PDB file of all heavy atoms in Angstrom:
ATOM      1  N   THR A   1     -31.449 -79.328 -48.186  1.00  0.00           N
ATOM      2  CA  THR A   1     -30.946 -79.351 -49.558  1.00  0.00           C
ATOM      3  C   THR A   1     -30.682 -80.778 -50.015  1.00  0.00           C
ATOM      4  O   THR A   1     -30.981 -81.135 -51.155  1.00  0.00           O
ATOM      5  CB  THR A   1     -29.657 -78.518 -49.675  1.00  0.00           C
ATOM      6  OG1 THR A   1     -29.942 -77.190 -49.261  1.00  0.00           O
ATOM      7  CG2 THR A   1     -29.147 -78.495 -51.102  1.00  0.00           C
ATOM      8  N   ALA A   2     -30.144 -81.607 -49.125  1.00  0.00           N
ATOM      9  CA  ALA A   2     -29.882 -82.997 -49.491  1.00  0.00           C
ATOM     10  C   ALA A   2     -31.180 -83.744 -49.769  1.00  0.00           C
ATOM     11  O   ALA A   2     -31.245 -84.587 -50.672  1.00  0.00           O
ATOM     12  CB  ALA A   2     -29.098 -83.697 -48.383  1.00  0.00           C
ATOM     13  N   ILE A   3     -32.236 -83.430 -49.034  1.00  0.00           N
ATOM     14  CA  ILE A   3     -33.520 -84.095 -49.246  1.00  0.00           C
ATOM     15  C   ILE A   3     -34.206 -83.578 -50.513  1.00  0.00           C
ATOM     16  O   ILE A   3     -34.705 -84.345 -51.321  1.00  0.00           O
ATOM     17  CB  ILE A   3     -34.439 -83.897 -48.025  1.00  0.00           C
ATOM     18  CG1 ILE A   3     -33.926 -84.723 -46.866  1.00  0.00           C
ATOM     19  CG2 ILE A   3     -35.872 -84.279 -48.346  1.00  0.00           C
ATOM     20  CD1 ILE A   3     -34.669 -84.501 -45.583  1.00  0.00           C
ATOM     21  N   MET A   4     -34.245 -82.259 -50.677  1.00  0.00           N
ATOM     22  CA  MET A   4     -34.972 -81.662 -51.805  1.00  0.00           C
ATOM     23  C   MET A   4     -34.200 -81.724 -53.113  1.00  0.00           C
ATOM     24  O   MET A   4     -34.775 -81.463 -54.171  1.00  0.00           O
ATOM     25  CB  MET A   4     -35.319 -80.207 -51.501  1.00  0.00           C
ATOM     26  CG  MET A   4     -36.344 -80.041 -50.453  1.00  0.00           C
ATOM     27  SD  MET A   4     -36.779 -78.312 -50.363  1.00  0.00           S
ATOM     28  CE  MET A   4     -38.228 -78.407 -49.371  1.00  0.00           C
ATOM     29  N   GLN A   5     -32.910 -82.013 -53.045  1.00  0.00           N
ATOM     30  CA  GLN A   5     -32.073 -82.124 -54.239  1.00  0.00           C
ATOM     31  C   GLN A   5     -31.951 -80.803 -54.993  1.00  0.00           C
ATOM     32  O   GLN A   5     -31.742 -80.805 -56.194  1.00  0.00           O
ATOM     33  CB  GLN A   5     -32.629 -83.200 -55.183  1.00  0.00           C
ATOM     34  CG  GLN A   5     -32.713 -84.577 -54.591  1.00  0.00           C
ATOM     35  CD  GLN A   5     -31.368 -85.242 -54.521  1.00  0.00           C
ATOM     36  OE1 GLN A   5     -30.627 -85.219 -55.480  1.00  0.00           O
ATOM     37  NE2 GLN A   5     -31.043 -85.797 -53.380  1.00  0.00           N
ATOM     38  N   SER A   6     -32.093 -79.687 -54.309  1.00  0.00           N
ATOM     39  CA  SER A   6     -32.008 -78.405 -55.005  1.00  0.00           C
ATOM     40  C   SER A   6     -31.614 -77.301 -54.032  1.00  0.00           C
ATOM     41  O   SER A   6     -32.424 -76.881 -53.205  1.00  0.00           O
ATOM     42  CB  SER A   6     -33.346 -78.065 -55.660  1.00  0.00           C
ATOM     43  OG  SER A   6     -33.287 -76.786 -56.232  1.00  0.00           O
ATOM     44  N   SER A   7     -30.379 -76.831 -54.154  1.00  0.00           N
ATOM     45  CA  SER A   7     -29.959 -75.712 -53.307  1.00  0.00           C
ATOM     46  C   SER A   7     -30.641 -74.427 -53.757  1.00  0.00           C
ATOM     47  O   SER A   7     -30.877 -73.535 -52.946  1.00  0.00           O
ATOM     48  CB  SER A   7     -28.441 -75.548 -53.340  1.00  0.00           C
ATOM     49  OG  SER A   7     -28.007 -75.244 -54.649  1.00  0.00           O
ATOM     50  N   THR A   8     -30.977 -74.350 -55.031  1.00  0.00           N
ATOM     51  CA  THR A   8     -31.692 -73.175 -55.530  1.00  0.00           C
ATOM     52  C   THR A   8     -33.038 -73.051 -54.844  1.00  0.00           C
ATOM     53  O   THR A   8     -33.427 -71.959 -54.417  1.00  0.00           O
ATOM     54  CB  THR A   8     -31.888 -73.284 -57.055  1.00  0.00           C
ATOM     55  OG1 THR A   8     -30.630 -73.456 -57.679  1.00  0.00           O
ATOM     56  CG2 THR A   8     -32.580 -72.063 -57.600  1.00  0.00           C
ATOM     57  N   LEU A   9     -33.729 -74.164 -54.714  1.00  0.00           N
ATOM     58  CA  LEU A   9     -35.042 -74.145 -54.074  1.00  0.00           C
ATOM     59  C   LEU A   9     -34.932 -73.760 -52.604  1.00  0.00           C
ATOM     60  O   LEU A   9     -35.728 -72.960 -52.107  1.00  0.00           O
ATOM     61  CB  LEU A   9     -35.720 -75.508 -54.220  1.00  0.00           C
ATOM     62  CG  LEU A   9     -37.123 -75.590 -53.654  1.00  0.00           C
ATOM     63  CD1 LEU A   9     -38.047 -74.647 -54.404  1.00  0.00           C
ATOM     64  CD2 LEU A   9     -37.640 -77.000 -53.743  1.00  0.00           C
ATOM     65  N   VAL A  10     -33.942 -74.299 -51.903  1.00  0.00           N
ATOM     66  CA  VAL A  10     -33.759 -73.953 -50.490  1.00  0.00           C
ATOM     67  C   VAL A  10     -33.415 -72.473 -50.352  1.00  0.00           C
ATOM     68  O   VAL A  10     -33.935 -71.784 -49.472  1.00  0.00           O
ATOM     69  CB  VAL A  10     -32.679 -74.847 -49.836  1.00  0.00           C
ATOM     70  CG1 VAL A  10     -32.357 -74.386 -48.426  1.00  0.00           C
ATOM     71  CG2 VAL A  10     -33.143 -76.295 -49.818  1.00  0.00           C
ATOM     72  N   THR A  11     -32.580 -71.970 -51.240  1.00  0.00           N
ATOM     73  CA  THR A  11     -32.231 -70.556 -51.206  1.00  0.00           C
ATOM     74  C   THR A  11     -33.449 -69.689 -51.484  1.00  0.00           C
ATOM     75  O   THR A  11     -33.685 -68.684 -50.798  1.00  0.00           O
ATOM     76  CB  THR A  11     -31.113 -70.257 -52.230  1.00  0.00           C
ATOM     77  OG1 THR A  11     -29.984 -71.079 -51.933  1.00  0.00           O
ATOM     78  CG2 THR A  11     -30.706 -68.803 -52.199  1.00  0.00           C
ATOM     79  N   VAL A  12     -34.246 -70.073 -52.476  1.00  0.00           N
ATOM     80  CA  VAL A  12     -35.456 -69.320 -52.804  1.00  0.00           C
ATOM     81  C   VAL A  12     -36.438 -69.345 -51.630  1.00  0.00           C
ATOM     82  O   VAL A  12     -37.030 -68.315 -51.273  1.00  0.00           O
ATOM     83  CB  VAL A  12     -36.112 -69.881 -54.089  1.00  0.00           C
ATOM     84  CG1 VAL A  12     -37.515 -69.359 -54.274  1.00  0.00           C
ATOM     85  CG2 VAL A  12     -35.262 -69.553 -55.290  1.00  0.00           C
ATOM     86  N   MET A  13     -36.616 -70.513 -51.025  1.00  0.00           N
ATOM     87  CA  MET A  13     -37.516 -70.612 -49.874  1.00  0.00           C
ATOM     88  C   MET A  13     -37.011 -69.766 -48.706  1.00  0.00           C
ATOM     89  O   MET A  13     -37.798 -69.092 -48.035  1.00  0.00           O
ATOM     90  CB  MET A  13     -37.672 -72.073 -49.451  1.00  0.00           C
ATOM     91  CG  MET A  13     -38.498 -72.891 -50.419  1.00  0.00           C
ATOM     92  SD  MET A  13     -38.558 -74.632 -50.022  1.00  0.00           S
ATOM     93  CE  MET A  13     -39.306 -74.612 -48.413  1.00  0.00           C
ATOM     94  N   THR A  14     -35.696 -69.785 -48.474  1.00  0.00           N
ATOM     95  CA  THR A  14     -35.125 -68.979 -47.395  1.00  0.00           C
ATOM     96  C   THR A  14     -35.341 -67.497 -47.659  1.00  0.00           C
ATOM     97  O   THR A  14     -35.707 -66.744 -46.754  1.00  0.00           O
ATOM     98  CB  THR A  14     -33.625 -69.293 -47.240  1.00  0.00           C
ATOM     99  OG1 THR A  14     -33.458 -70.686 -47.002  1.00  0.00           O
ATOM    100  CG2 THR A  14     -33.020 -68.512 -46.088  1.00  0.00           C
ATOM    101  N   ILE A  15     -35.150 -67.083 -48.893  1.00  0.00           N
ATOM    102  CA  ILE A  15     -35.385 -65.679 -49.245  1.00  0.00           C
ATOM    103  C   ILE A  15     -36.859 -65.330 -49.080  1.00  0.00           C
ATOM    104  O   ILE A  15     -37.202 -64.236 -48.627  1.00  0.00           O
ATOM    105  CB  ILE A  15     -34.875 -65.385 -50.666  1.00  0.00           C
ATOM    106  CG1 ILE A  15     -33.351 -65.450 -50.669  1.00  0.00           C
ATOM    107  CG2 ILE A  15     -35.357 -64.030 -51.168  1.00  0.00           C
ATOM    108  CD1 ILE A  15     -32.723 -65.417 -52.029  1.00  0.00           C
ATOM    109  N   SER A  16     -37.740 -66.278 -49.419  1.00  0.00           N
ATOM    110  CA  SER A  16     -39.173 -66.051 -49.207  1.00  0.00           C
ATOM    111  C   SER A  16     -39.480 -65.898 -47.722  1.00  0.00           C
ATOM    112  O   SER A  16     -40.276 -65.046 -47.335  1.00  0.00           O
ATOM    113  CB  SER A  16     -39.984 -67.213 -49.772  1.00  0.00           C
ATOM    114  OG  SER A  16     -39.818 -67.311 -51.147  1.00  0.00           O
ATOM    115  N   PHE A  17     -38.863 -66.725 -46.879  1.00  0.00           N
ATOM    116  CA  PHE A  17     -39.051 -66.605 -45.438  1.00  0.00           C
ATOM    117  C   PHE A  17     -38.501 -65.277 -44.920  1.00  0.00           C
ATOM    118  O   PHE A  17     -39.093 -64.649 -44.040  1.00  0.00           O
ATOM    119  CB  PHE A  17     -38.372 -67.756 -44.696  1.00  0.00           C
ATOM    120  CG  PHE A  17     -39.054 -69.079 -44.864  1.00  0.00           C
ATOM    121  CD1 PHE A  17     -38.319 -70.247 -44.874  1.00  0.00           C
ATOM    122  CD2 PHE A  17     -40.425 -69.180 -45.022  1.00  0.00           C
ATOM    123  CE1 PHE A  17     -38.933 -71.477 -45.023  1.00  0.00           C
ATOM    124  CE2 PHE A  17     -41.053 -70.400 -45.174  1.00  0.00           C
ATOM    125  CZ  PHE A  17     -40.308 -71.557 -45.173  1.00  0.00           C
ATOM    126  N   LEU A  18     -37.372 -64.835 -45.479  1.00  0.00           N
ATOM    127  CA  LEU A  18     -36.823 -63.533 -45.093  1.00  0.00           C
ATOM    128  C   LEU A  18     -37.770 -62.414 -45.515  1.00  0.00           C
ATOM    129  O   LEU A  18     -38.003 -61.464 -44.770  1.00  0.00           O
ATOM    130  CB  LEU A  18     -35.441 -63.320 -45.725  1.00  0.00           C
ATOM    131  CG  LEU A  18     -34.292 -64.130 -45.154  1.00  0.00           C
ATOM    132  CD1 LEU A  18     -33.077 -64.042 -46.056  1.00  0.00           C
ATOM    133  CD2 LEU A  18     -33.955 -63.658 -43.760  1.00  0.00           C
ATOM    134  N   ASN A  19     -38.317 -62.529 -46.715  1.00  0.00           N
ATOM    135  CA  ASN A  19     -39.250 -61.536 -47.231  1.00  0.00           C
ATOM    136  C   ASN A  19     -40.518 -61.459 -46.390  1.00  0.00           C
ATOM    137  O   ASN A  19     -41.096 -60.390 -46.208  1.00  0.00           O
ATOM    138  CB  ASN A  19     -39.587 -61.858 -48.691  1.00  0.00           C
ATOM    139  CG  ASN A  19     -40.361 -60.762 -49.356  1.00  0.00           C
ATOM    140  OD1 ASN A  19     -40.183 -59.592 -49.054  1.00  0.00           O
ATOM    141  ND2 ASN A  19     -41.229 -61.138 -50.271  1.00  0.00           N
ATOM    142  N   ALA A  20     -40.945 -62.615 -45.865  1.00  0.00           N
ATOM    143  CA  ALA A  20     -42.152 -62.662 -45.034  1.00  0.00           C
ATOM    144  C   ALA A  20     -41.852 -62.386 -43.557  1.00  0.00           C
ATOM    145  O   ALA A  20     -42.718 -62.536 -42.714  1.00  0.00           O
ATOM    146  CB  ALA A  20     -42.821 -64.023 -45.172  1.00  0.00           C
ATOM    147  N   ASN A  21     -40.629 -61.992 -43.254  1.00  0.00           N
ATOM    148  CA  ASN A  21     -40.174 -61.693 -41.888  1.00  0.00           C
ATOM    149  C   ASN A  21     -40.325 -62.889 -40.947  1.00  0.00           C
ATOM    150  O   ASN A  21     -40.589 -62.727 -39.762  1.00  0.00           O
ATOM    151  CB  ASN A  21     -40.897 -60.475 -41.313  1.00  0.00           C
ATOM    152  CG  ASN A  21     -40.504 -59.200 -42.012  1.00  0.00           C
ATOM    153  OD1 ASN A  21     -39.355 -59.020 -42.403  1.00  0.00           O
ATOM    154  ND2 ASN A  21     -41.471 -58.327 -42.206  1.00  0.00           N
ATOM    155  N   LEU A  22     -40.136 -64.103 -41.478  1.00  0.00           N
ATOM    156  CA  LEU A  22     -40.168 -65.296 -40.651  1.00  0.00           C
ATOM    157  C   LEU A  22     -38.776 -65.650 -40.136  1.00  0.00           C
ATOM    158  O   LEU A  22     -38.651 -66.395 -39.172  1.00  0.00           O
ATOM    159  CB  LEU A  22     -40.738 -66.482 -41.423  1.00  0.00           C
ATOM    160  CG  LEU A  22     -42.198 -66.344 -41.842  1.00  0.00           C
ATOM    161  CD1 LEU A  22     -42.604 -67.503 -42.726  1.00  0.00           C
ATOM    162  CD2 LEU A  22     -43.094 -66.273 -40.620  1.00  0.00           C
ATOM    163  N   LEU A  23     -37.746 -65.144 -40.796  1.00  0.00           N
ATOM    164  CA  LEU A  23     -36.364 -65.370 -40.400  1.00  0.00           C
ATOM    165  C   LEU A  23     -35.625 -64.045 -40.364  1.00  0.00           C
ATOM    166  O   LEU A  23     -35.986 -63.107 -41.073  1.00  0.00           O
ATOM    167  CB  LEU A  23     -35.645 -66.285 -41.402  1.00  0.00           C
ATOM    168  CG  LEU A  23     -36.059 -67.740 -41.506  1.00  0.00           C
ATOM    169  CD1 LEU A  23     -35.342 -68.404 -42.666  1.00  0.00           C
ATOM    170  CD2 LEU A  23     -35.759 -68.469 -40.223  1.00  0.00           C
ATOM    171  N   THR A  24     -34.575 -63.999 -39.558  1.00  0.00           N
ATOM    172  CA  THR A  24     -33.694 -62.834 -39.579  1.00  0.00           C
ATOM    173  C   THR A  24     -32.625 -63.058 -40.641  1.00  0.00           C
ATOM    174  O   THR A  24     -32.446 -64.179 -41.138  1.00  0.00           O
ATOM    175  CB  THR A  24     -33.020 -62.622 -38.214  1.00  0.00           C
ATOM    176  OG1 THR A  24     -32.160 -63.729 -37.947  1.00  0.00           O
ATOM    177  CG2 THR A  24     -34.047 -62.464 -37.110  1.00  0.00           C
ATOM    178  N   LEU A  25     -31.910 -62.018 -40.984  1.00  0.00           N
ATOM    179  CA  LEU A  25     -30.854 -62.126 -41.987  1.00  0.00           C
ATOM    180  C   LEU A  25     -29.775 -63.097 -41.522  1.00  0.00           C
ATOM    181  O   LEU A  25     -29.276 -63.916 -42.305  1.00  0.00           O
ATOM    182  CB  LEU A  25     -30.258 -60.750 -42.282  1.00  0.00           C
ATOM    183  CG  LEU A  25     -29.181 -60.698 -43.357  1.00  0.00           C
ATOM    184  CD1 LEU A  25     -29.744 -61.168 -44.696  1.00  0.00           C
ATOM    185  CD2 LEU A  25     -28.620 -59.297 -43.481  1.00  0.00           C
ATOM    186  N   PHE A  26     -29.411 -63.045 -40.249  1.00  0.00           N
ATOM    187  CA  PHE A  26     -28.407 -63.943 -39.679  1.00  0.00           C
ATOM    188  C   PHE A  26     -28.818 -65.407 -39.846  1.00  0.00           C
ATOM    189  O   PHE A  26     -28.024 -66.257 -40.251  1.00  0.00           O
ATOM    190  CB  PHE A  26     -28.210 -63.598 -38.194  1.00  0.00           C
ATOM    191  CG  PHE A  26     -27.261 -64.497 -37.479  1.00  0.00           C
ATOM    192  CD1 PHE A  26     -25.894 -64.374 -37.661  1.00  0.00           C
ATOM    193  CD2 PHE A  26     -27.732 -65.469 -36.619  1.00  0.00           C
ATOM    194  CE1 PHE A  26     -25.021 -65.211 -37.001  1.00  0.00           C
ATOM    195  CE2 PHE A  26     -26.872 -66.302 -35.946  1.00  0.00           C
ATOM    196  CZ  PHE A  26     -25.508 -66.177 -36.138  1.00  0.00           C
ATOM    197  N   GLN A  27     -30.079 -65.703 -39.550  1.00  0.00           N
ATOM    198  CA  GLN A  27     -30.579 -67.070 -39.683  1.00  0.00           C
ATOM    199  C   GLN A  27     -30.603 -67.503 -41.146  1.00  0.00           C
ATOM    200  O   GLN A  27     -30.256 -68.630 -41.476  1.00  0.00           O
ATOM    201  CB  GLN A  27     -31.982 -67.176 -39.091  1.00  0.00           C
ATOM    202  CG  GLN A  27     -32.025 -66.956 -37.600  1.00  0.00           C
ATOM    203  CD  GLN A  27     -33.434 -66.699 -37.090  1.00  0.00           C
ATOM    204  OE1 GLN A  27     -34.286 -66.202 -37.824  1.00  0.00           O
ATOM    205  NE2 GLN A  27     -33.673 -67.028 -35.828  1.00  0.00           N
TER     206      GLN A  27
END
């Protein structure tokens, strides 16, 4: 988030990774 300057983008990317089953909910 500090590098990308956007917590929204990191959150969206994380949700995309969750949607693609690349991460667990805990992660």
